[in-house]
ModelCIF file with pLDDT and N, C-alpha, C, O atoms, coordinates in Angstrom:
data_MODEL
#
_entry.id   MODEL 
#
_entity.id                         1 
_entity.type                       polymer 
_entity.pdbx_number_of_molecules   1 
#
_entity_poly.entity_id                      1 
_entity_poly.type                           'polypeptide(L)' 
_entity_poly.nstd_linkage                   no 
_entity_poly.nstd_monomer                   no 
_entity_poly.pdbx_seq_one_letter_code       LAAPPPGVLDAVRAAAARGSRVAAVGTGTFTLA 
_entity_poly.pdbx_seq_one_letter_code_can   LAAPPPGVLDAVRAAAARGSRVAAVGTGTFTLA 
_entity_poly.pdbx_strand_id                 A 
#
loop_
_entity_poly_seq.entity_id 
_entity_poly_seq.num 
_entity_poly_seq.mon_id 
_entity_poly_seq.hetero 
1 1  LEU n 
1 2  ALA n 
1 3  ALA n 
1 4  PRO n 
1 5  PRO n 
1 6  PRO n 
1 7  GLY n 
1 8  VAL n 
1 9  LEU n 
1 10 ASP n 
1 11 ALA n 
1 12 VAL n 
1 13 ARG n 
1 14 ALA n 
1 15 ALA n 
1 16 ALA n 
1 17 ALA n 
1 18 ARG n 
1 19 GLY n 
1 20 SER n 
1 21 ARG n 
1 22 VAL n 
1 23 ALA n 
1 24 ALA n 
1 25 VAL n 
1 26 GLY n 
1 27 THR n 
1 28 GLY n 
1 29 THR n 
1 30 PHE n 
1 31 THR n 
1 32 LEU n 
1 33 ALA n 
#
_struct_asym.id          A 
_struct_asym.entity_id   1 
#
loop_
_ma_qa_metric.id 
_ma_qa_metric.mode 
_ma_qa_metric.name 
_ma_qa_metric.software_group_id 
_ma_qa_metric.type 
1 global pLDDT . pLDDT 
2 local  pLDDT . pLDDT 
#
_ma_qa_metric_global.metric_id      1 
_ma_qa_metric_global.metric_value   96.33 
_ma_qa_metric_global.model_id       1 
_ma_qa_metric_global.ordinal_id     1 
#
loop_
_ma_qa_metric_local.label_asym_id 
_ma_qa_metric_local.label_comp_id 
_ma_qa_metric_local.label_seq_id 
_ma_qa_metric_local.metric_id 
_ma_qa_metric_local.metric_value 
_ma_qa_metric_local.model_id 
_ma_qa_metric_local.ordinal_id 
A LEU 1  2 94.00 1 1  
A ALA 2  2 94.00 1 2  
A ALA 3  2 94.00 1 3  
A PRO 4  2 94.00 1 4  
A PRO 5  2 94.00 1 5  
A PRO 6  2 94.00 1 6  
A GLY 7  2 94.00 1 7  
A VAL 8  2 96.00 1 8  
A LEU 9  2 97.00 1 9  
A ASP 10 2 96.00 1 10 
A ALA 11 2 97.00 1 11 
A VAL 12 2 97.00 1 12 
A ARG 13 2 97.00 1 13 
A ALA 14 2 97.00 1 14 
A ALA 15 2 97.00 1 15 
A ALA 16 2 97.00 1 16 
A ALA 17 2 97.00 1 17 
A ARG 18 2 96.00 1 18 
A GLY 19 2 96.00 1 19 
A SER 20 2 97.00 1 20 
A ARG 21 2 97.00 1 21 
A VAL 22 2 98.00 1 22 
A ALA 23 2 98.00 1 23 
A ALA 24 2 98.00 1 24 
A VAL 25 2 97.00 1 25 
A GLY 26 2 95.00 1 26 
A THR 27 2 96.00 1 27 
A GLY 28 2 97.00 1 28 
A THR 29 2 98.00 1 29 
A PHE 30 2 98.00 1 30 
A THR 31 2 97.00 1 31 
A LEU 32 2 98.00 1 32 
A ALA 33 2 97.00 1 33 
#
loop_
_atom_site.group_PDB 
_atom_site.id 
_atom_site.type_symbol 
_atom_site.label_atom_id 
_atom_site.label_alt_id 
_atom_site.label_comp_id 
_atom_site.label_asym_id 
_atom_site.label_entity_id 
_atom_site.label_seq_id 
_atom_site.pdbx_PDB_ins_code 
_atom_site.Cartn_x 
_atom_site.Cartn_y 
_atom_site.Cartn_z 
_atom_site.occupancy 
_atom_site.B_iso_or_equiv 
_atom_site.pdbx_formal_charge 
_atom_site.auth_seq_id 
_atom_site.auth_comp_id 
_atom_site.auth_asym_id 
_atom_site.auth_atom_id 
_atom_site.pdbx_PDB_model_num 
ATOM 1   N N  . LEU A 1 1  ? 0.813  -1.216  0.000   1.00 94.00 ? 1  LEU A N  1 
ATOM 2   C CA . LEU A 1 1  ? 0.000  0.000   0.000   1.00 94.00 ? 1  LEU A CA 1 
ATOM 3   C C  . LEU A 1 1  ? 0.846  1.266   0.000   1.00 94.00 ? 1  LEU A C  1 
ATOM 4   O O  . LEU A 1 1  ? 0.335  2.349   -0.283  1.00 94.00 ? 1  LEU A O  1 
ATOM 5   N N  . ALA A 1 2  ? 2.115  1.146   0.309   1.00 94.00 ? 2  ALA A N  1 
ATOM 6   C CA . ALA A 1 2  ? 3.023  2.301   0.310   1.00 94.00 ? 2  ALA A CA 1 
ATOM 7   C C  . ALA A 1 2  ? 3.630  2.488   -1.079  1.00 94.00 ? 2  ALA A C  1 
ATOM 8   O O  . ALA A 1 2  ? 3.554  1.600   -1.929  1.00 94.00 ? 2  ALA A O  1 
ATOM 9   N N  . ALA A 1 3  ? 4.229  3.648   -1.292  1.00 94.00 ? 3  ALA A N  1 
ATOM 10  C CA . ALA A 1 3  ? 4.913  3.895   -2.562  1.00 94.00 ? 3  ALA A CA 1 
ATOM 11  C C  . ALA A 1 3  ? 6.095  2.928   -2.691  1.00 94.00 ? 3  ALA A C  1 
ATOM 12  O O  . ALA A 1 3  ? 6.839  2.748   -1.727  1.00 94.00 ? 3  ALA A O  1 
ATOM 13  N N  . PRO A 1 4  ? 6.284  2.305   -3.851  1.00 94.00 ? 4  PRO A N  1 
ATOM 14  C CA . PRO A 1 4  ? 7.416  1.379   -4.025  1.00 94.00 ? 4  PRO A CA 1 
ATOM 15  C C  . PRO A 1 4  ? 8.744  2.105   -3.853  1.00 94.00 ? 4  PRO A C  1 
ATOM 16  O O  . PRO A 1 4  ? 8.801  3.320   -4.046  1.00 94.00 ? 4  PRO A O  1 
ATOM 17  N N  . PRO A 1 5  ? 9.801  1.404   -3.498  1.00 94.00 ? 5  PRO A N  1 
ATOM 18  C CA . PRO A 1 5  ? 11.117 2.027   -3.371  1.00 94.00 ? 5  PRO A CA 1 
ATOM 19  C C  . PRO A 1 5  ? 11.540 2.692   -4.679  1.00 94.00 ? 5  PRO A C  1 
ATOM 20  O O  . PRO A 1 5  ? 11.113 2.278   -5.756  1.00 94.00 ? 5  PRO A O  1 
ATOM 21  N N  . PRO A 1 6  ? 12.380 3.725   -4.583  1.00 94.00 ? 6  PRO A N  1 
ATOM 22  C CA . PRO A 1 6  ? 12.846 4.408   -5.798  1.00 94.00 ? 6  PRO A CA 1 
ATOM 23  C C  . PRO A 1 6  ? 13.480 3.417   -6.779  1.00 94.00 ? 6  PRO A C  1 
ATOM 24  O O  . PRO A 1 6  ? 14.213 2.509   -6.386  1.00 94.00 ? 6  PRO A O  1 
ATOM 25  N N  . GLY A 1 7  ? 13.186 3.610   -8.028  1.00 94.00 ? 7  GLY A N  1 
ATOM 26  C CA . GLY A 1 7  ? 13.773 2.776   -9.081  1.00 94.00 ? 7  GLY A CA 1 
ATOM 27  C C  . GLY A 1 7  ? 12.904 1.624   -9.523  1.00 94.00 ? 7  GLY A C  1 
ATOM 28  O O  . GLY A 1 7  ? 13.083 1.105   -10.625 1.00 94.00 ? 7  GLY A O  1 
ATOM 29  N N  . VAL A 1 8  ? 11.952 1.208   -8.678  1.00 96.00 ? 8  VAL A N  1 
ATOM 30  C CA . VAL A 1 8  ? 11.139 0.045   -9.017  1.00 96.00 ? 8  VAL A CA 1 
ATOM 31  C C  . VAL A 1 8  ? 10.213 0.337   -10.200 1.00 96.00 ? 8  VAL A C  1 
ATOM 32  O O  . VAL A 1 8  ? 10.201 -0.400  -11.186 1.00 96.00 ? 8  VAL A O  1 
ATOM 33  N N  . LEU A 1 9  ? 9.444  1.412   -10.091 1.00 97.00 ? 9  LEU A N  1 
ATOM 34  C CA . LEU A 1 9  ? 8.466  1.705   -11.143 1.00 97.00 ? 9  LEU A CA 1 
ATOM 35  C C  . LEU A 1 9  ? 9.154  2.038   -12.465 1.00 97.00 ? 9  LEU A C  1 
ATOM 36  O O  . LEU A 1 9  ? 8.686  1.632   -13.528 1.00 97.00 ? 9  LEU A O  1 
ATOM 37  N N  . ASP A 1 10 ? 10.255 2.771   -12.404 1.00 96.00 ? 10 ASP A N  1 
ATOM 38  C CA . ASP A 1 10 ? 10.983 3.093   -13.638 1.00 96.00 ? 10 ASP A CA 1 
ATOM 39  C C  . ASP A 1 10 ? 11.497 1.820   -14.304 1.00 96.00 ? 10 ASP A C  1 
ATOM 40  O O  . ASP A 1 10 ? 11.450 1.696   -15.528 1.00 96.00 ? 10 ASP A O  1 
ATOM 41  N N  . ALA A 1 11 ? 11.986 0.876   -13.506 1.00 97.00 ? 11 ALA A N  1 
ATOM 42  C CA . ALA A 1 11 ? 12.508 -0.366  -14.065 1.00 97.00 ? 11 ALA A CA 1 
ATOM 43  C C  . ALA A 1 11 ? 11.393 -1.183  -14.705 1.00 97.00 ? 11 ALA A C  1 
ATOM 44  O O  . ALA A 1 11 ? 11.588 -1.802  -15.751 1.00 97.00 ? 11 ALA A O  1 
ATOM 45  N N  . VAL A 1 12 ? 10.229 -1.182  -14.073 1.00 97.00 ? 12 VAL A N  1 
ATOM 46  C CA . VAL A 1 12 ? 9.095  -1.944  -14.616 1.00 97.00 ? 12 VAL A CA 1 
ATOM 47  C C  . VAL A 1 12 ? 8.588  -1.299  -15.901 1.00 97.00 ? 12 VAL A C  1 
ATOM 48  O O  . VAL A 1 12 ? 8.309  -1.992  -16.880 1.00 97.00 ? 12 VAL A O  1 
ATOM 49  N N  . ARG A 1 13 ? 8.468  0.025   -15.899 1.00 97.00 ? 13 ARG A N  1 
ATOM 50  C CA . ARG A 1 13 ? 8.018  0.720   -17.119 1.00 97.00 ? 13 ARG A CA 1 
ATOM 51  C C  . ARG A 1 13 ? 9.007  0.503   -18.265 1.00 97.00 ? 13 ARG A C  1 
ATOM 52  O O  . ARG A 1 13 ? 8.602  0.318   -19.412 1.00 97.00 ? 13 ARG A O  1 
ATOM 53  N N  . ALA A 1 14 ? 10.302 0.525   -17.952 1.00 97.00 ? 14 ALA A N  1 
ATOM 54  C CA . ALA A 1 14 ? 11.316 0.314   -18.994 1.00 97.00 ? 14 ALA A CA 1 
ATOM 55  C C  . ALA A 1 14 ? 11.214 -1.087  -19.569 1.00 97.00 ? 14 ALA A C  1 
ATOM 56  O O  . ALA A 1 14 ? 11.377 -1.278  -20.774 1.00 97.00 ? 14 ALA A O  1 
ATOM 57  N N  . ALA A 1 15 ? 10.945 -2.072  -18.717 1.00 97.00 ? 15 ALA A N  1 
ATOM 58  C CA . ALA A 1 15 ? 10.799 -3.444  -19.199 1.00 97.00 ? 15 ALA A CA 1 
ATOM 59  C C  . ALA A 1 15 ? 9.602  -3.552  -20.145 1.00 97.00 ? 15 ALA A C  1 
ATOM 60  O O  . ALA A 1 15 ? 9.685  -4.199  -21.189 1.00 97.00 ? 15 ALA A O  1 
ATOM 61  N N  . ALA A 1 16 ? 8.494  -2.918  -19.773 1.00 97.00 ? 16 ALA A N  1 
ATOM 62  C CA . ALA A 1 16 ? 7.313  -2.943  -20.635 1.00 97.00 ? 16 ALA A CA 1 
ATOM 63  C C  . ALA A 1 16 ? 7.599  -2.250  -21.957 1.00 97.00 ? 16 ALA A C  1 
ATOM 64  O O  . ALA A 1 16 ? 7.162  -2.712  -23.011 1.00 97.00 ? 16 ALA A O  1 
ATOM 65  N N  . ALA A 1 17 ? 8.331  -1.143  -21.906 1.00 97.00 ? 17 ALA A N  1 
ATOM 66  C CA . ALA A 1 17 ? 8.651  -0.415  -23.123 1.00 97.00 ? 17 ALA A CA 1 
ATOM 67  C C  . ALA A 1 17 ? 9.540  -1.239  -24.052 1.00 97.00 ? 17 ALA A C  1 
ATOM 68  O O  . ALA A 1 17 ? 9.486  -1.074  -25.270 1.00 97.00 ? 17 ALA A O  1 
ATOM 69  N N  . ARG A 1 18 ? 10.360 -2.128  -23.479 1.00 96.00 ? 18 ARG A N  1 
ATOM 70  C CA . ARG A 1 18 ? 11.210 -2.994  -24.295 1.00 96.00 ? 18 ARG A CA 1 
ATOM 71  C C  . ARG A 1 18 ? 10.421 -4.156  -24.899 1.00 96.00 ? 18 ARG A C  1 
ATOM 72  O O  . ARG A 1 18 ? 10.945 -4.890  -25.738 1.00 96.00 ? 18 ARG A O  1 
ATOM 73  N N  . GLY A 1 19 ? 9.171  -4.327  -24.479 1.00 96.00 ? 19 GLY A N  1 
ATOM 74  C CA . GLY A 1 19 ? 8.366  -5.409  -25.023 1.00 96.00 ? 19 GLY A CA 1 
ATOM 75  C C  . GLY A 1 19 ? 8.288  -6.632  -24.135 1.00 96.00 ? 19 GLY A C  1 
ATOM 76  O O  . GLY A 1 19 ? 7.800  -7.674  -24.572 1.00 96.00 ? 19 GLY A O  1 
ATOM 77  N N  . SER A 1 20 ? 8.752  -6.536  -22.905 1.00 97.00 ? 20 SER A N  1 
ATOM 78  C CA . SER A 1 20 ? 8.671  -7.673  -21.986 1.00 97.00 ? 20 SER A CA 1 
ATOM 79  C C  . SER A 1 20 ? 7.234  -7.880  -21.525 1.00 97.00 ? 20 SER A C  1 
ATOM 80  O O  . SER A 1 20 ? 6.475  -6.920  -21.391 1.00 97.00 ? 20 SER A O  1 
ATOM 81  N N  . ARG A 1 21 ? 6.870  -9.117  -21.286 1.00 97.00 ? 21 ARG A N  1 
ATOM 82  C CA . ARG A 1 21 ? 5.638  -9.365  -20.552 1.00 97.00 ? 21 ARG A CA 1 
ATOM 83  C C  . ARG A 1 21 ? 5.867  -8.909  -19.117 1.00 97.00 ? 21 ARG A C  1 
ATOM 84  O O  . ARG A 1 21 ? 6.967  -9.054  -18.584 1.00 97.00 ? 21 ARG A O  1 
ATOM 85  N N  . VAL A 1 22 ? 4.836  -8.361  -18.493 1.00 98.00 ? 22 VAL A N  1 
ATOM 86  C CA . VAL A 1 22 ? 4.946  -7.924  -17.107 1.00 98.00 ? 22 VAL A CA 1 
ATOM 87  C C  . VAL A 1 22 ? 3.813  -8.576  -16.325 1.00 98.00 ? 22 VAL A C  1 
ATOM 88  O O  . VAL A 1 22 ? 2.643  -8.452  -16.686 1.00 98.00 ? 22 VAL A O  1 
ATOM 89  N N  . ALA A 1 23 ? 4.170  -9.267  -15.259 1.00 98.00 ? 23 ALA A N  1 
ATOM 90  C CA . ALA A 1 23 ? 3.198  -10.029 -14.472 1.00 98.00 ? 23 ALA A CA 1 
ATOM 91  C C  . ALA A 1 23 ? 3.303  -9.641  -13.007 1.00 98.00 ? 23 ALA A C  1 
ATOM 92  O O  . ALA A 1 23 ? 4.291  -9.047  -12.574 1.00 98.00 ? 23 ALA A O  1 
ATOM 93  N N  . ALA A 1 24 ? 2.267  -9.988  -12.252 1.00 98.00 ? 24 ALA A N  1 
ATOM 94  C CA . ALA A 1 24 ? 2.258  -9.724  -10.816 1.00 98.00 ? 24 ALA A CA 1 
ATOM 95  C C  . ALA A 1 24 ? 1.552  -10.860 -10.114 1.00 98.00 ? 24 ALA A C  1 
ATOM 96  O O  . ALA A 1 24 ? 0.579  -11.413 -10.625 1.00 98.00 ? 24 ALA A O  1 
ATOM 97  N N  . VAL A 1 25 ? 2.050  -11.206 -8.933  1.00 97.00 ? 25 VAL A N  1 
ATOM 98  C CA . VAL A 1 25 ? 1.459  -12.252 -8.104  1.00 97.00 ? 25 VAL A CA 1 
ATOM 99  C C  . VAL A 1 25 ? 0.859  -11.605 -6.858  1.00 97.00 ? 25 VAL A C  1 
ATOM 100 O O  . VAL A 1 25 ? 1.533  -10.835 -6.174  1.00 97.00 ? 25 VAL A O  1 
ATOM 101 N N  . GLY A 1 26 ? -0.403 -11.912 -6.561  1.00 95.00 ? 26 GLY A N  1 
ATOM 102 C CA . GLY A 1 26 ? -1.029 -11.423 -5.339  1.00 95.00 ? 26 GLY A CA 1 
ATOM 103 C C  . GLY A 1 26 ? -0.980 -9.910  -5.229  1.00 95.00 ? 26 GLY A C  1 
ATOM 104 O O  . GLY A 1 26 ? -1.393 -9.200  -6.147  1.00 95.00 ? 26 GLY A O  1 
ATOM 105 N N  . THR A 1 27 ? -0.474 -9.417  -4.103  1.00 96.00 ? 27 THR A N  1 
ATOM 106 C CA . THR A 1 27 ? -0.434 -7.969  -3.879  1.00 96.00 ? 27 THR A CA 1 
ATOM 107 C C  . THR A 1 27 ? 0.603  -7.270  -4.751  1.00 96.00 ? 27 THR A C  1 
ATOM 108 O O  . THR A 1 27 ? 0.673  -6.041  -4.750  1.00 96.00 ? 27 THR A O  1 
ATOM 109 N N  . GLY A 1 28 ? 1.399  -8.019  -5.486  1.00 97.00 ? 28 GLY A N  1 
ATOM 110 C CA . GLY A 1 28 ? 2.292  -7.388  -6.459  1.00 97.00 ? 28 GLY A CA 1 
ATOM 111 C C  . GLY A 1 28 ? 1.521  -6.600  -7.497  1.00 97.00 ? 28 GLY A C  1 
ATOM 112 O O  . GLY A 1 28 ? 2.079  -5.710  -8.139  1.00 97.00 ? 28 GLY A O  1 
ATOM 113 N N  . THR A 1 29 ? 0.221  -6.920  -7.676  1.00 98.00 ? 29 THR A N  1 
ATOM 114 C CA . THR A 1 29 ? -0.604 -6.168  -8.617  1.00 98.00 ? 29 THR A CA 1 
ATOM 115 C C  . THR A 1 29 ? -0.716 -4.707  -8.200  1.00 98.00 ? 29 THR A C  1 
ATOM 116 O O  . THR A 1 29 ? -0.810 -3.830  -9.060  1.00 98.00 ? 29 THR A O  1 
ATOM 117 N N  . PHE A 1 30 ? -0.710 -4.428  -6.899  1.00 98.00 ? 30 PHE A N  1 
ATOM 118 C CA . PHE A 1 30 ? -0.759 -3.040  -6.444  1.00 98.00 ? 30 PHE A CA 1 
ATOM 119 C C  . PHE A 1 30 ? 0.474  -2.279  -6.938  1.00 98.00 ? 30 PHE A C  1 
ATOM 120 O O  . PHE A 1 30 ? 0.364  -1.127  -7.359  1.00 98.00 ? 30 PHE A O  1 
ATOM 121 N N  . THR A 1 31 ? 1.635  -2.914  -6.888  1.00 97.00 ? 31 THR A N  1 
ATOM 122 C CA . THR A 1 31 ? 2.857  -2.274  -7.359  1.00 97.00 ? 31 THR A CA 1 
ATOM 123 C C  . THR A 1 31 ? 2.793  -2.050  -8.865  1.00 97.00 ? 31 THR A C  1 
ATOM 124 O O  . THR A 1 31 ? 3.162  -0.985  -9.360  1.00 97.00 ? 31 THR A O  1 
ATOM 125 N N  . LEU A 1 32 ? 2.324  -3.059  -9.585  1.00 98.00 ? 32 LEU A N  1 
ATOM 126 C CA . LEU A 1 32 ? 2.197  -2.910  -11.034 1.00 98.00 ? 32 LEU A CA 1 
ATOM 127 C C  . LEU A 1 32 ? 1.194  -1.816  -11.384 1.00 98.00 ? 32 LEU A C  1 
ATOM 128 O O  . LEU A 1 32 ? 1.427  -1.027  -12.299 1.00 98.00 ? 32 LEU A O  1 
ATOM 129 N N  . ALA A 1 33 ? 0.083  -1.768  -10.660 1.00 97.00 ? 33 ALA A N  1 
ATOM 130 C CA . ALA A 1 33 ? -0.916 -0.723  -10.916 1.00 97.00 ? 33 ALA A CA 1 
ATOM 131 C C  . ALA A 1 33 ? -0.348 0.667   -10.640 1.00 97.00 ? 33 ALA A C  1 
ATOM 132 O O  . ALA A 1 33 ? -1.051 1.664   -10.803 1.00 97.00 ? 33 ALA A O  1 
#
């Protein structure tokens, strides 16, 4: 429920921009959202 640590969201967005599949398990969906 808290803001993810610095660097996490940028790394995930960069992976998506490269064409990677991006998945989340359980509450990991909150981080992805």
